[in-house]
Amino acid sequence: MSIKNIPTFFLLFLSLNILYINSRLNPANVELAINCGGPEFRTKSGITYQKDRYFIGGEASDFGMNSEIKNTKDKDIYQTERWSTEDLIYEIPIQNEGKYVLILKFSEVYFNSKGEKIFDFKIGDLLVIEDIDIYAKVGKNKAYDEFIEFEIKNKKIYIEGKEAKNGYDEETKNIKITFVKKEADNPKINALLIVRGTLKDTDYDEYQREQELLEKQKQEFDKKNREFQRMSKSIDFEDFEDDFTDDGKKYRVSNGFFSGKSLFVTLIGIGFAYFFFFSGKR
């Protein structure tokens, strides 16, 4: 069979799984992993996420437990979360100076459109990520990660060469991270991971390529959906129905399966089936 006959979505699916197999993230390099709002959990790759700890304030939630989180093989760590009606703070212990990567893990399991939940992220007093909108990035029920390199040096913490003042306590050896409350709902976090080293010691490259493949998959779906919309608009449903009269009354009957309403429902069903089966899955 020629490779040209293999559906594009299948090649994307296969590529995504190959990326997971070749992940560079070595569990031995993990300094700390926390399953925010949830219990201890060990991933298929061998990383143990501790139960939620080191937080100040907020509420634990398992609202996402019934959600089938896509774009990940470790859906459990994206199904629980900690959120807050105020700023949500974690003070995380790191004993040794050196280079690290903080990986923030999110998923949107409640809202259905962008702009409904937006918050910032700071380390100490330094604004690191502004206007985090999970739905705008990946949609609903999908994993979304942020990677942040930082360095602890001379009892201070630096991000891209900038000092994050009040970000590192030299006595407790804690770094202070804050999910900042804004007008659009509340800040949250599903899980966080700290890896010793730089981005090359994480699965950042694989994650980026994965997002590019998913974007291509989405574009392919959008193209098919536009073709479907054009096709449905070009159909004259009257062509599939007949009129007849009996005792002076006018009736309309359908010509079987391909009646106007039946055809419309069938086309809509095909469209939704395509969406749920192919979009964002792997």
C-alpha atoms as a PDB file:
ATOM      1  CA  MET A   1       0.000   0.000   0.000  1.00  0.00           C
ATOM      2  CA  SER A   2       1.372   3.410  -0.947  1.00  0.00           C
ATOM      3  CA  ILE A   3       2.024   5.880   1.855  1.00  0.00           C
ATOM      4  CA  LYS A   4      -0.118   8.344  -0.117  1.00  0.00           C
ATOM      5  CA  ASN A   5      -3.109   6.207   0.749  1.00  0.00           C
ATOM      6  CA  ILE A   6      -2.488   6.494   4.493  1.00  0.00           C
ATOM      7  CA  PRO A   7      -4.777   9.179   6.004  1.00  0.00           C
ATOM      8  CA  THR A   8      -3.010  12.296   7.221  1.00  0.00           C
ATOM      9  CA  PHE A   9      -4.545  12.004  10.665  1.00  0.00           C
ATOM     10  CA  PHE A  10      -3.043   8.503  11.073  1.00  0.00           C
ATOM     11  CA  LEU A  11       0.454   9.773  10.292  1.00  0.00           C
ATOM     12  CA  LEU A  12      -0.023  12.569  12.812  1.00  0.00           C
ATOM     13  CA  PHE A  13      -1.265  10.094  15.417  1.00  0.00           C
ATOM     14  CA  LEU A  14       1.758   7.844  14.838  1.00  0.00           C
ATOM     15  CA  SER A  15       4.187  10.767  14.995  1.00  0.00           C
ATOM     16  CA  LEU A  16       2.770  11.991  18.290  1.00  0.00           C
ATOM     17  CA  ASN A  17       3.235   8.600  19.911  1.00  0.00           C
ATOM     18  CA  ILE A  18       6.802   8.325  18.588  1.00  0.00           C
ATOM     19  CA  LEU A  19       7.538  11.650  20.266  1.00  0.00           C
ATOM     20  CA  TYR A  20       6.381  10.257  23.577  1.00  0.00           C
ATOM     21  CA  ILE A  21       8.555   7.170  23.215  1.00  0.00           C
ATOM     22  CA  ASN A  22      11.625   9.342  22.554  1.00  0.00           C
ATOM     23  CA  SER A  23      11.058  11.790  25.417  1.00  0.00           C
ATOM     24  CA  ARG A  24      14.309  13.224  26.803  1.00  0.00           C
ATOM     25  CA  LEU A  25      12.921  13.834  30.295  1.00  0.00           C
ATOM     26  CA  ASN A  26      14.791  11.525  32.647  1.00  0.00           C
ATOM     27  CA  PRO A  27      12.910  10.881  35.915  1.00  0.00           C
ATOM     28  CA  ALA A  28      16.282  10.896  37.698  1.00  0.00           C
ATOM     29  CA  ASN A  29      16.601  14.631  36.918  1.00  0.00           C
ATOM     30  CA  VAL A  30      13.293  15.535  38.550  1.00  0.00           C
ATOM     31  CA  GLU A  31      13.840  17.699  41.623  1.00  0.00           C
ATOM     32  CA  LEU A  32      10.184  17.834  42.598  1.00  0.00           C
ATOM     33  CA  ALA A  33       6.759  17.030  41.123  1.00  0.00           C
ATOM     34  CA  ILE A  34       3.414  17.971  42.683  1.00  0.00           C
ATOM     35  CA  ASN A  35      -0.052  16.790  41.683  1.00  0.00           C
ATOM     36  CA  CYS A  36      -1.917  19.978  42.585  1.00  0.00           C
ATOM     37  CA  GLY A  37      -5.273  19.354  44.234  1.00  0.00           C
ATOM     38  CA  GLY A  38      -4.773  15.591  44.029  1.00  0.00           C
ATOM     39  CA  PRO A  39      -3.094  12.526  45.554  1.00  0.00           C
ATOM     40  CA  GLU A  40       0.292  11.001  44.818  1.00  0.00           C
ATOM     41  CA  PHE A  41       0.516   9.688  41.274  1.00  0.00           C
ATOM     42  CA  ARG A  42       3.193   7.875  39.280  1.00  0.00           C
ATOM     43  CA  THR A  43       3.259   8.457  35.540  1.00  0.00           C
ATOM     44  CA  LYS A  44       3.945   5.854  32.865  1.00  0.00           C
ATOM     45  CA  SER A  45       7.350   7.452  32.322  1.00  0.00           C
ATOM     46  CA  GLY A  46       8.303   6.819  35.958  1.00  0.00           C
ATOM     47  CA  ILE A  47       7.847  10.291  37.496  1.00  0.00           C
ATOM     48  CA  THR A  48       6.201  10.311  40.923  1.00  0.00           C
ATOM     49  CA  TYR A  49       4.038  13.354  41.594  1.00  0.00           C
ATOM     50  CA  GLN A  50       3.617  14.004  45.324  1.00  0.00           C
ATOM     51  CA  LYS A  51       0.217  14.806  46.742  1.00  0.00           C
ATOM     52  CA  ASP A  52      -0.578  18.517  46.832  1.00  0.00           C
ATOM     53  CA  ARG A  53       1.665  20.469  49.222  1.00  0.00           C
ATOM     54  CA  TYR A  54       3.629  23.699  49.719  1.00  0.00           C
ATOM     55  CA  PHE A  55       0.606  25.834  48.786  1.00  0.00           C
ATOM     56  CA  ILE A  56      -0.711  28.901  50.572  1.00  0.00           C
ATOM     57  CA  GLY A  57      -4.483  29.212  50.306  1.00  0.00           C
ATOM     58  CA  GLY A  58      -6.743  28.049  47.533  1.00  0.00           C
ATOM     59  CA  GLU A  59      -9.086  25.112  47.139  1.00  0.00           C
ATOM     60  CA  ALA A  60      -8.527  21.602  45.804  1.00  0.00           C
ATOM     61  CA  SER A  61     -10.853  20.447  43.021  1.00  0.00           C
ATOM     62  CA  ASP A  62     -11.434  17.158  41.202  1.00  0.00           C
ATOM     63  CA  PHE A  63     -14.062  18.599  38.847  1.00  0.00           C
ATOM     64  CA  GLY A  64     -12.048  17.284  35.906  1.00  0.00           C
ATOM     65  CA  MET A  65     -12.126  13.647  37.033  1.00  0.00           C
ATOM     66  CA  ASN A  66     -14.836  12.849  34.494  1.00  0.00           C
ATOM     67  CA  SER A  67     -12.987  14.631  31.681  1.00  0.00           C
ATOM     68  CA  GLU A  68     -11.062  12.653  29.088  1.00  0.00           C
ATOM     69  CA  ILE A  69      -7.987  14.864  28.870  1.00  0.00           C
ATOM     70  CA  LYS A  70      -6.371  14.834  25.427  1.00  0.00           C
ATOM     71  CA  ASN A  71      -2.818  15.641  24.288  1.00  0.00           C
ATOM     72  CA  THR A  72      -1.285  13.577  27.099  1.00  0.00           C
ATOM     73  CA  LYS A  73      -0.771  10.018  28.265  1.00  0.00           C
ATOM     74  CA  ASP A  74      -0.822  11.121  31.917  1.00  0.00           C
ATOM     75  CA  LYS A  75      -4.356  12.502  32.105  1.00  0.00           C
ATOM     76  CA  ASP A  76      -4.592  11.951  35.881  1.00  0.00           C
ATOM     77  CA  ILE A  77      -2.344  14.910  36.701  1.00  0.00           C
ATOM     78  CA  TYR A  78      -4.531  17.181  34.570  1.00  0.00           C
ATOM     79  CA  GLN A  79      -7.813  16.090  36.161  1.00  0.00           C
ATOM     80  CA  THR A  80      -7.260  17.643  39.599  1.00  0.00           C
ATOM     81  CA  GLU A  81      -6.288  21.211  40.377  1.00  0.00           C
ATOM     82  CA  ARG A  82      -5.847  23.900  42.997  1.00  0.00           C
ATOM     83  CA  TRP A  83      -7.559  27.236  42.413  1.00  0.00           C
ATOM     84  CA  SER A  84      -8.137  30.394  44.416  1.00  0.00           C
ATOM     85  CA  THR A  85     -10.406  33.424  44.529  1.00  0.00           C
ATOM     86  CA  GLU A  86      -7.246  35.391  45.384  1.00  0.00           C
ATOM     87  CA  ASP A  87      -3.614  35.039  44.357  1.00  0.00           C
ATOM     88  CA  LEU A  88      -2.552  31.393  44.593  1.00  0.00           C
ATOM     89  CA  ILE A  89       0.935  30.932  46.062  1.00  0.00           C
ATOM     90  CA  TYR A  90       3.323  28.002  46.297  1.00  0.00           C
ATOM     91  CA  GLU A  91       6.572  28.131  48.271  1.00  0.00           C
ATOM     92  CA  ILE A  92       8.679  25.290  46.899  1.00  0.00           C
ATOM     93  CA  PRO A  93      11.875  24.061  48.579  1.00  0.00           C
ATOM     94  CA  ILE A  94      15.038  23.770  46.461  1.00  0.00           C
ATOM     95  CA  GLN A  95      18.127  22.991  48.486  1.00  0.00           C
ATOM     96  CA  ASN A  96      20.901  23.483  45.951  1.00  0.00           C
ATOM     97  CA  GLU A  97      21.862  26.325  43.670  1.00  0.00           C
ATOM     98  CA  GLY A  98      22.027  25.669  39.945  1.00  0.00           C
ATOM     99  CA  LYS A  99      19.961  25.664  36.768  1.00  0.00           C
ATOM    100  CA  TYR A 100      16.398  24.339  36.715  1.00  0.00           C
ATOM    101  CA  VAL A 101      13.253  24.227  34.585  1.00  0.00           C
ATOM    102  CA  LEU A 102       9.812  24.783  36.067  1.00  0.00           C
ATOM    103  CA  ILE A 103       7.045  23.078  34.095  1.00  0.00           C
ATOM    104  CA  LEU A 104       3.497  24.279  34.781  1.00  0.00           C
ATOM    105  CA  LYS A 105       0.726  21.907  33.723  1.00  0.00           C
ATOM    106  CA  PHE A 106      -2.789  23.119  32.948  1.00  0.00           C
ATOM    107  CA  SER A 107      -6.075  21.934  31.474  1.00  0.00           C
ATOM    108  CA  GLU A 108      -9.408  23.737  31.093  1.00  0.00           C
ATOM    109  CA  VAL A 109     -12.232  21.434  32.194  1.00  0.00           C
ATOM    110  CA  TYR A 110     -14.992  23.978  32.890  1.00  0.00           C
ATOM    111  CA  PHE A 111     -15.178  26.890  30.457  1.00  0.00           C
ATOM    112  CA  ASN A 112     -16.180  26.568  26.798  1.00  0.00           C
ATOM    113  CA  SER A 113     -14.650  29.652  25.232  1.00  0.00           C
ATOM    114  CA  LYS A 114     -11.589  31.851  25.442  1.00  0.00           C
ATOM    115  CA  GLY A 115     -11.468  34.894  27.681  1.00  0.00           C
ATOM    116  CA  GLU A 116     -13.418  33.319  30.551  1.00  0.00           C
ATOM    117  CA  LYS A 117     -10.368  32.451  32.677  1.00  0.00           C
ATOM    118  CA  ILE A 118      -7.248  34.615  32.468  1.00  0.00           C
ATOM    119  CA  PHE A 119      -4.474  34.984  35.043  1.00  0.00           C
ATOM    120  CA  ASP A 120      -0.767  35.884  35.316  1.00  0.00           C
ATOM    121  CA  PHE A 121       2.210  33.981  36.679  1.00  0.00           C
ATOM    122  CA  LYS A 122       5.057  35.463  38.756  1.00  0.00           C
ATOM    123  CA  ILE A 123       8.217  34.233  40.415  1.00  0.00           C
ATOM    124  CA  GLY A 124       8.838  36.550  43.334  1.00  0.00           C
ATOM    125  CA  ASP A 125       7.983  40.047  42.114  1.00  0.00           C
ATOM    126  CA  LEU A 126       8.869  39.282  38.478  1.00  0.00           C
ATOM    127  CA  LEU A 127       6.029  38.846  35.997  1.00  0.00           C
ATOM    128  CA  VAL A 128       6.983  35.757  33.973  1.00  0.00           C
ATOM    129  CA  ILE A 129       3.819  34.948  31.988  1.00  0.00           C
ATOM    130  CA  GLU A 130       1.047  37.439  31.353  1.00  0.00           C
ATOM    131  CA  ASP A 131      -2.577  36.589  30.515  1.00  0.00           C
ATOM    132  CA  ILE A 132      -2.611  32.812  30.672  1.00  0.00           C
ATOM    133  CA  ASP A 133      -5.774  31.694  28.848  1.00  0.00           C
ATOM    134  CA  ILE A 134      -5.758  27.901  28.709  1.00  0.00           C
ATOM    135  CA  TYR A 135      -8.791  27.578  26.433  1.00  0.00           C
ATOM    136  CA  ALA A 136      -7.390  30.092  23.957  1.00  0.00           C
ATOM    137  CA  LYS A 137      -4.190  28.042  23.762  1.00  0.00           C
ATOM    138  CA  VAL A 138      -5.547  24.505  23.335  1.00  0.00           C
ATOM    139  CA  GLY A 139      -9.310  24.405  23.922  1.00  0.00           C
ATOM    140  CA  LYS A 140     -11.245  22.410  26.491  1.00  0.00           C
ATOM    141  CA  ASN A 141     -10.138  19.118  28.095  1.00  0.00           C
ATOM    142  CA  LYS A 142      -6.617  19.279  26.636  1.00  0.00           C
ATOM    143  CA  ALA A 143      -3.235  19.361  28.329  1.00  0.00           C
ATOM    144  CA  TYR A 144      -1.248  22.589  28.115  1.00  0.00           C
ATOM    145  CA  ASP A 145       2.277  23.056  29.532  1.00  0.00           C
ATOM    146  CA  GLU A 146       4.487  26.095  30.130  1.00  0.00           C
ATOM    147  CA  PHE A 147       8.287  25.714  30.456  1.00  0.00           C
ATOM    148  CA  ILE A 148      10.292  28.272  32.463  1.00  0.00           C
ATOM    149  CA  GLU A 149      14.080  28.139  32.837  1.00  0.00           C
ATOM    150  CA  PHE A 150      15.526  29.685  35.994  1.00  0.00           C
ATOM    151  CA  GLU A 151      18.789  29.722  37.914  1.00  0.00           C
ATOM    152  CA  ILE A 152      19.526  29.997  41.617  1.00  0.00           C
ATOM    153  CA  LYS A 153      22.895  31.701  42.053  1.00  0.00           C
ATOM    154  CA  ASN A 154      24.459  33.564  44.977  1.00  0.00           C
ATOM    155  CA  LYS A 155      21.256  33.124  46.982  1.00  0.00           C
ATOM    156  CA  LYS A 156      19.179  34.836  44.314  1.00  0.00           C
ATOM    157  CA  ILE A 157      16.909  33.556  41.545  1.00  0.00           C
ATOM    158  CA  TYR A 158      17.176  34.641  37.907  1.00  0.00           C
ATOM    159  CA  ILE A 159      14.894  34.166  34.888  1.00  0.00           C
ATOM    160  CA  GLU A 160      16.487  34.956  31.517  1.00  0.00           C
ATOM    161  CA  GLY A 161      19.160  36.969  33.311  1.00  0.00           C
ATOM    162  CA  LYS A 162      16.669  39.065  35.285  1.00  0.00           C
ATOM    163  CA  GLU A 163      16.594  38.829  39.054  1.00  0.00           C
ATOM    164  CA  ALA A 164      13.245  37.809  40.472  1.00  0.00           C
ATOM    165  CA  LYS A 165      13.328  39.862  43.647  1.00  0.00           C
ATOM    166  CA  ASN A 166      11.726  38.174  46.653  1.00  0.00           C
ATOM    167  CA  GLY A 167      11.640  34.985  44.636  1.00  0.00           C
ATOM    168  CA  TYR A 168      14.113  33.018  46.740  1.00  0.00           C
ATOM    169  CA  ASP A 169      14.346  32.873  50.525  1.00  0.00           C
ATOM    170  CA  GLU A 170      17.955  32.102  51.460  1.00  0.00           C
ATOM    171  CA  GLU A 171      16.942  30.949  54.968  1.00  0.00           C
ATOM    172  CA  THR A 172      14.145  28.530  54.051  1.00  0.00           C
ATOM    173  CA  LYS A 173      15.577  27.874  50.573  1.00  0.00           C
ATOM    174  CA  ASN A 174      12.102  28.209  49.091  1.00  0.00           C
ATOM    175  CA  ILE A 175      11.190  29.741  45.755  1.00  0.00           C
ATOM    176  CA  LYS A 176       7.950  31.711  45.741  1.00  0.00           C
ATOM    177  CA  ILE A 177       5.652  31.330  42.731  1.00  0.00           C
ATOM    178  CA  THR A 178       2.315  33.108  42.355  1.00  0.00           C
ATOM    179  CA  PHE A 179      -0.659  32.561  40.083  1.00  0.00           C
ATOM    180  CA  VAL A 180      -2.092  36.051  39.990  1.00  0.00           C
ATOM    181  CA  LYS A 181      -5.820  36.727  40.271  1.00  0.00           C
ATOM    182  CA  LYS A 182      -7.249  38.945  37.517  1.00  0.00           C
ATOM    183  CA  GLU A 183     -10.762  39.992  36.466  1.00  0.00           C
ATOM    184  CA  ALA A 184     -11.589  36.896  34.378  1.00  0.00           C
ATOM    185  CA  ASP A 185     -12.365  34.168  36.930  1.00  0.00           C
ATOM    186  CA  ASN A 186      -9.682  32.586  39.156  1.00  0.00           C
ATOM    187  CA  PRO A 187      -6.066  31.389  38.862  1.00  0.00           C
ATOM    188  CA  LYS A 188      -5.375  27.651  38.930  1.00  0.00           C
ATOM    189  CA  ILE A 189      -2.710  24.995  38.454  1.00  0.00           C
ATOM    190  CA  ASN A 190      -3.101  21.267  37.748  1.00  0.00           C
ATOM    191  CA  ALA A 191       0.465  20.110  38.391  1.00  0.00           C
ATOM    192  CA  LEU A 192       3.997  21.434  38.536  1.00  0.00           C
ATOM    193  CA  LEU A 193       7.350  19.853  37.881  1.00  0.00           C
ATOM    194  CA  ILE A 194      10.896  21.058  38.577  1.00  0.00           C
ATOM    195  CA  VAL A 195      13.711  19.489  36.554  1.00  0.00           C
ATOM    196  CA  ARG A 196      17.448  19.963  37.154  1.00  0.00           C
ATOM    197  CA  GLY A 197      19.205  21.346  34.072  1.00  0.00           C
ATOM    198  CA  THR A 198      17.968  23.314  31.057  1.00  0.00           C
ATOM    199  CA  LEU A 199      15.255  22.881  28.448  1.00  0.00           C
ATOM    200  CA  LYS A 200      17.324  20.238  26.682  1.00  0.00           C
ATOM    201  CA  ASP A 201      16.965  18.078  29.805  1.00  0.00           C
ATOM    202  CA  THR A 202      13.169  18.165  29.538  1.00  0.00           C
ATOM    203  CA  ASP A 203      10.659  17.084  26.907  1.00  0.00           C
ATOM    204  CA  TYR A 204      10.346  20.702  25.702  1.00  0.00           C
ATOM    205  CA  ASP A 205      11.476  19.997  22.116  1.00  0.00           C
ATOM    206  CA  GLU A 206       9.125  17.031  21.856  1.00  0.00           C
ATOM    207  CA  TYR A 207       6.289  19.102  23.304  1.00  0.00           C
ATOM    208  CA  GLN A 208       6.854  21.906  20.796  1.00  0.00           C
ATOM    209  CA  ARG A 209       6.918  19.517  17.840  1.00  0.00           C
ATOM    210  CA  GLU A 210       3.824  17.856  19.220  1.00  0.00           C
ATOM    211  CA  GLN A 211       1.991  21.186  19.332  1.00  0.00           C
ATOM    212  CA  GLU A 212       3.001  21.865  15.725  1.00  0.00           C
ATOM    213  CA  LEU A 213       1.617  18.478  14.662  1.00  0.00           C
ATOM    214  CA  LEU A 214      -1.608  19.131  16.536  1.00  0.00           C
ATOM    215  CA  GLU A 215      -1.916  22.500  14.822  1.00  0.00           C
ATOM    216  CA  LYS A 216      -1.534  20.794  11.435  1.00  0.00           C
ATOM    217  CA  GLN A 217      -4.170  18.290  12.481  1.00  0.00           C
ATOM    218  CA  LYS A 218      -6.489  21.126  13.480  1.00  0.00           C
ATOM    219  CA  GLN A 219      -5.898  22.881  10.153  1.00  0.00           C
ATOM    220  CA  GLU A 220      -6.707  19.658   8.305  1.00  0.00           C
ATOM    221  CA  PHE A 221      -9.941  19.321  10.270  1.00  0.00           C
ATOM    222  CA  ASP A 222     -10.857  22.974   9.653  1.00  0.00           C
ATOM    223  CA  LYS A 223     -10.290  22.441   5.930  1.00  0.00           C
ATOM    224  CA  LYS A 224     -12.577  19.383   5.912  1.00  0.00           C
ATOM    225  CA  ASN A 225     -15.153  21.250   7.967  1.00  0.00           C
ATOM    226  CA  ARG A 226     -15.190  24.158   5.487  1.00  0.00           C
ATOM    227  CA  GLU A 227     -15.693  21.686   2.646  1.00  0.00           C
ATOM    228  CA  PHE A 228     -18.577  20.145   4.579  1.00  0.00           C
ATOM    229  CA  GLN A 229     -20.151  23.548   5.158  1.00  0.00           C
ATOM    230  CA  ARG A 230     -19.877  24.453   1.475  1.00  0.00           C
ATOM    231  CA  MET A 231     -21.411  21.123   0.493  1.00  0.00           C
ATOM    232  CA  SER A 232     -24.324  21.465   2.904  1.00  0.00           C
ATOM    233  CA  LYS A 233     -25.076  24.992   1.677  1.00  0.00           C
ATOM    234  CA  SER A 234     -25.156  23.855  -1.943  1.00  0.00           C
ATOM    235  CA  ILE A 235     -27.888  21.244  -1.327  1.00  0.00           C
ATOM    236  CA  ASP A 236     -31.473  22.152  -2.238  1.00  0.00           C
ATOM    237  CA  PHE A 237     -33.502  20.107   0.220  1.00  0.00           C
ATOM    238  CA  GLU A 238     -36.635  20.682  -1.815  1.00  0.00           C
ATOM    239  CA  ASP A 239     -35.183  18.315  -4.422  1.00  0.00           C
ATOM    240  CA  PHE A 240     -35.605  15.458  -1.976  1.00  0.00           C
ATOM    241  CA  GLU A 241     -39.279  16.010  -1.154  1.00  0.00           C
ATOM    242  CA  ASP A 242     -42.550  15.731  -3.083  1.00  0.00           C
ATOM    243  CA  ASP A 243     -46.004  17.253  -2.636  1.00  0.00           C
ATOM    244  CA  PHE A 244     -49.320  15.534  -3.232  1.00  0.00           C
ATOM    245  CA  THR A 245     -52.968  16.328  -2.570  1.00  0.00           C
ATOM    246  CA  ASP A 246     -55.738  14.157  -1.166  1.00  0.00           C
ATOM    247  CA  ASP A 247     -59.311  15.271  -0.522  1.00  0.00           C
ATOM    248  CA  GLY A 248     -58.258  18.818  -1.194  1.00  0.00           C
ATOM    249  CA  LYS A 249     -55.475  18.765   1.417  1.00  0.00           C
ATOM    250  CA  LYS A 250     -51.813  19.220   0.535  1.00  0.00           C
ATOM    251  CA  TYR A 251     -49.196  16.863   2.008  1.00  0.00           C
ATOM    252  CA  ARG A 252     -45.413  16.606   1.774  1.00  0.00           C
ATOM    253  CA  VAL A 253     -43.647  13.269   1.890  1.00  0.00           C
ATOM    254  CA  SER A 254     -39.962  12.357   1.947  1.00  0.00           C
ATOM    255  CA  ASN A 255     -38.189  10.214  -0.595  1.00  0.00           C
ATOM    256  CA  GLY A 256     -36.769   7.732   1.923  1.00  0.00           C
ATOM    257  CA  PHE A 257     -33.420   8.014   3.688  1.00  0.00           C
ATOM    258  CA  PHE A 258     -32.257  10.987   1.646  1.00  0.00           C
ATOM    259  CA  SER A 259     -35.187  13.202   2.541  1.00  0.00           C
ATOM    260  CA  GLY A 260     -34.457  16.836   3.246  1.00  0.00           C
ATOM    261  CA  LYS A 261     -34.426  16.562   7.040  1.00  0.00           C
ATOM    262  CA  SER A 262     -32.893  13.099   7.055  1.00  0.00           C
ATOM    263  CA  LEU A 263     -30.078  14.182   4.774  1.00  0.00           C
ATOM    264  CA  PHE A 264     -29.426  17.247   6.876  1.00  0.00           C
ATOM    265  CA  VAL A 265     -29.301  15.214  10.094  1.00  0.00           C
ATOM    266  CA  THR A 266     -27.062  12.645   8.403  1.00  0.00           C
ATOM    267  CA  LEU A 267     -24.586  15.286   7.251  1.00  0.00           C
ATOM    268  CA  ILE A 268     -24.525  16.916  10.671  1.00  0.00           C
ATOM    269  CA  GLY A 269     -23.951  13.508  12.261  1.00  0.00           C
ATOM    270  CA  ILE A 270     -21.015  12.836   9.938  1.00  0.00           C
ATOM    271  CA  GLY A 271     -19.534  16.210  10.795  1.00  0.00           C
ATOM    272  CA  PHE A 272     -19.773  15.658  14.553  1.00  0.00           C
ATOM    273  CA  ALA A 273     -18.429  12.121  14.249  1.00  0.00           C
ATOM    274  CA  TYR A 274     -15.426  13.438  12.339  1.00  0.00           C
ATOM    275  CA  PHE A 275     -14.855  16.128  14.957  1.00  0.00           C
ATOM    276  CA  PHE A 276     -15.025  13.890  18.011  1.00  0.00           C
ATOM    277  CA  PHE A 277     -13.031  11.045  16.500  1.00  0.00           C
ATOM    278  CA  PHE A 278     -10.209  12.933  14.843  1.00  0.00           C
ATOM    279  CA  SER A 279      -9.782  16.355  16.415  1.00  0.00           C
ATOM    280  CA  GLY A 280      -7.083  16.498  19.094  1.00  0.00           C
ATOM    281  CA  LYS A 281      -6.916  12.736  19.612  1.00  0.00           C
ATOM    282  CA  ARG A 282      -3.817  10.623  19.706  1.00  0.00           C
END
